[in-house]
Protein backbone atom coordinates (compact mmCIF):
# COMPACT_ATOMS: atom_id res chain seq x y z
CA MET A 1 -4.72 -4.41 -15.37
CA ASN A 2 -8.27 -3.53 -16.28
CA ALA A 3 -11.12 -4.08 -13.83
CA HIS A 4 -13.52 -4.88 -16.67
CA THR A 5 -11.76 -8.04 -17.85
CA HIS A 6 -12.44 -10.32 -14.87
CA THR A 7 -15.01 -13.10 -15.30
CA ARG A 8 -13.57 -16.21 -13.60
CA ASN A 9 -15.28 -17.68 -10.56
CA GLY A 10 -13.31 -18.12 -7.35
CA ARG A 11 -11.87 -16.08 -4.53
CA ILE A 12 -10.53 -12.59 -5.09
CA LEU A 13 -7.70 -11.23 -2.96
CA ALA A 14 -7.27 -7.52 -2.18
CA LEU A 15 -4.29 -5.57 -0.90
CA ASP A 16 -4.06 -2.25 0.89
CA LEU A 17 -0.39 -1.39 0.36
CA GLY A 18 1.32 0.76 2.96
CA GLU A 19 4.88 1.73 3.74
CA LYS A 20 5.06 -0.50 6.84
CA ARG A 21 2.13 -2.92 6.46
CA ILE A 22 0.05 -4.62 3.79
CA GLY A 23 -3.61 -5.22 4.56
CA VAL A 24 -5.02 -8.37 2.97
CA ALA A 25 -8.66 -9.29 2.37
CA VAL A 26 -10.30 -12.19 0.56
CA SER A 27 -13.72 -12.77 -0.95
CA ASP A 28 -15.88 -15.82 -0.63
CA PRO A 29 -15.84 -18.12 -3.70
CA THR A 30 -19.06 -16.53 -5.04
CA GLN A 31 -17.36 -13.11 -5.02
CA THR A 32 -20.13 -11.61 -2.89
CA ILE A 33 -18.62 -10.89 0.53
CA ALA A 34 -15.17 -9.55 1.44
CA SER A 35 -13.49 -10.48 4.72
CA SER A 36 -10.31 -9.27 6.38
CA TYR A 37 -7.56 -11.87 6.01
CA GLY A 38 -4.72 -10.25 7.93
CA VAL A 39 -1.86 -7.79 7.95
CA LEU A 40 1.63 -8.47 6.64
CA LYS A 41 4.48 -6.44 8.08
CA ARG A 42 6.49 -5.20 5.10
CA LYS A 43 10.00 -6.58 4.78
CA SER A 44 11.72 -6.60 1.39
CA ARG A 45 9.81 -6.68 -1.88
CA ARG A 46 11.14 -10.19 -2.44
CA GLU A 47 9.76 -11.42 0.89
CA ASP A 48 6.51 -9.49 0.46
CA PHE A 49 5.97 -11.00 -2.99
CA ALA A 50 6.67 -14.54 -1.72
CA ARG A 51 4.19 -14.15 1.15
CA ILE A 52 1.52 -12.66 -1.15
CA ALA A 53 2.07 -15.46 -3.69
CA HIS A 54 1.66 -17.98 -0.85
CA ILE A 55 -1.68 -16.43 0.15
CA VAL A 56 -2.83 -16.36 -3.49
CA ALA A 57 -2.04 -20.09 -3.77
CA GLU A 58 -3.53 -20.96 -0.37
CA GLN A 59 -6.79 -19.14 -1.14
CA LYS A 60 -6.82 -20.32 -4.78
CA ALA A 61 -7.39 -16.68 -5.75
CA VAL A 62 -8.30 -15.92 -9.37
CA LEU A 63 -7.74 -12.15 -9.21
CA LEU A 64 -5.79 -9.61 -7.16
CA VAL A 65 -7.35 -6.20 -6.47
CA VAL A 66 -4.89 -3.54 -5.33
CA GLY A 67 -6.08 -0.36 -3.64
CA LEU A 68 -4.95 2.71 -5.58
CA PRO A 69 -4.70 5.94 -3.58
CA ILE A 70 -6.46 8.63 -5.58
CA THR A 71 -6.90 12.05 -4.01
CA LEU A 72 -10.38 13.44 -3.44
CA SER A 73 -9.77 15.71 -6.44
CA GLY A 74 -9.22 12.60 -8.57
CA VAL A 75 -5.46 12.98 -8.99
CA GLU A 76 -2.86 10.25 -8.59
CA GLY A 77 0.06 11.41 -6.48
CA GLN A 78 3.45 9.95 -5.54
CA LYS A 79 1.89 7.19 -3.41
CA ALA A 80 -0.19 6.03 -6.41
CA THR A 81 2.95 5.97 -8.56
CA TRP A 82 4.67 3.82 -5.91
CA VAL A 83 1.63 1.46 -5.71
CA ARG A 84 1.59 1.07 -9.52
CA ASP A 85 5.35 0.31 -9.55
CA TYR A 86 5.10 -2.16 -6.66
CA THR A 87 2.12 -3.92 -8.28
CA ALA A 88 3.84 -4.12 -11.68
CA GLU A 89 6.76 -5.92 -10.04
CA LEU A 90 4.46 -8.09 -7.88
CA SER A 91 2.41 -9.18 -10.91
CA GLN A 92 5.55 -10.76 -12.40
CA HIS A 93 5.52 -13.19 -9.44
CA LEU A 94 1.84 -14.15 -9.75
CA ASP A 95 -0.10 -16.09 -12.36
CA ILE A 96 -3.38 -14.24 -11.81
CA PRO A 97 -4.45 -10.85 -13.16
CA CYS A 98 -4.06 -7.72 -11.04
CA VAL A 99 -6.41 -4.74 -11.15
CA PHE A 100 -6.41 -1.40 -9.37
CA TRP A 101 -9.38 -0.10 -7.41
CA ASP A 102 -9.86 3.32 -5.83
CA GLU A 103 -9.11 3.10 -2.12
CA SER A 104 -10.29 6.62 -1.25
CA LEU A 105 -11.44 6.91 2.37
CA THR A 106 -11.20 3.16 3.07
CA THR A 107 -8.80 3.70 5.99
CA VAL A 108 -11.24 6.20 7.51
CA GLN A 109 -14.08 3.70 7.02
CA ALA A 110 -11.95 0.95 8.58
CA GLU A 111 -11.08 3.08 11.62
CA GLN A 112 -14.76 3.97 12.12
CA SER A 113 -15.79 0.33 11.76
CA LEU A 114 -13.24 -0.80 14.35
CA ARG A 115 -14.29 1.98 16.77
CA MET A 116 -17.96 1.00 16.38
CA ARG A 117 -16.99 -2.55 17.35
CA GLY A 118 -15.13 -1.26 20.43
CA ILE A 119 -11.67 -1.98 19.03
CA ARG A 120 -9.28 0.87 19.83
CA GLY A 121 -5.62 1.72 20.31
CA LYS A 122 -2.94 -0.81 19.44
CA LYS A 123 -5.45 -3.55 18.51
CA ALA A 124 -7.12 -1.18 16.04
CA ARG A 125 -3.79 -0.11 14.51
CA GLU A 126 -2.83 -3.78 14.05
CA ARG A 127 -6.07 -4.55 12.16
CA VAL A 128 -6.94 -1.33 10.33
CA ASP A 129 -5.04 -2.24 7.13
CA ALA A 130 -6.82 -5.61 6.77
CA VAL A 131 -10.20 -3.97 7.40
CA ALA A 132 -9.36 -1.26 4.83
CA ALA A 133 -8.46 -4.02 2.33
CA ALA A 134 -11.88 -5.59 3.00
CA PHE A 135 -13.57 -2.24 2.27
CA ILE A 136 -11.58 -1.95 -0.99
CA LEU A 137 -12.55 -5.48 -1.98
CA GLN A 138 -16.22 -5.08 -1.02
CA SER A 139 -16.41 -1.90 -3.12
CA TYR A 140 -14.92 -3.80 -6.07
CA LEU A 141 -17.29 -6.78 -5.60
CA ASP A 142 -20.34 -4.51 -5.35
CA ALA A 143 -19.34 -2.64 -8.51
CA GLN A 144 -18.90 -5.91 -10.42
CA ALA A 145 -22.29 -7.18 -9.20
CA ASN A 146 -23.92 -3.89 -10.26
CA ARG A 147 -22.23 -4.11 -13.67
CA ARG A 148 -23.49 -7.69 -14.16
CA GLN A 149 -26.99 -6.68 -13.06
CA SER A 150 -27.04 -3.68 -15.41
CA SER A 151 -25.92 -5.72 -18.41
CA ALA A 152 -28.46 -8.45 -17.58
CA GLN A 153 -31.21 -5.81 -17.56
CA ILE A 154 -30.01 -4.49 -20.92
CA ASP A 155 -29.96 -8.04 -22.31
CA ASP A 156 -33.57 -8.56 -21.11
CA LYS A 157 -34.83 -5.60 -23.14
């Protein structure tokens, strides 16, 4: 589950795992732009995994990025341990690689984004996890693009 191993073209799926909901986002096929896909209400792991596998197949995803909650001091707490455990079990039901990506402050960014668009209250709560997943995915996509650009510049020298 290393972020540096991904090179295949195609859509990337991202998850923002929560206790009650799972935010889902998907990239375009060029892996440039992340978009909110939707929010899954958590049921059992078995049902969650089946629904995620269905989305992976439907989107023809080549990679799954899972938001990892890391504290501002850089420490992984109990929630991160739960996310790692959940993802380890989920990955046994998928035939694509899974990587973790820091999700710090993405929920705050998502809430601000929704407020700026005039979406508040219940509508915002229903969408915030999917928007947070899009922020996680966009951060991952931008980092990969920067990494490719940096290595291309090194290769040019």
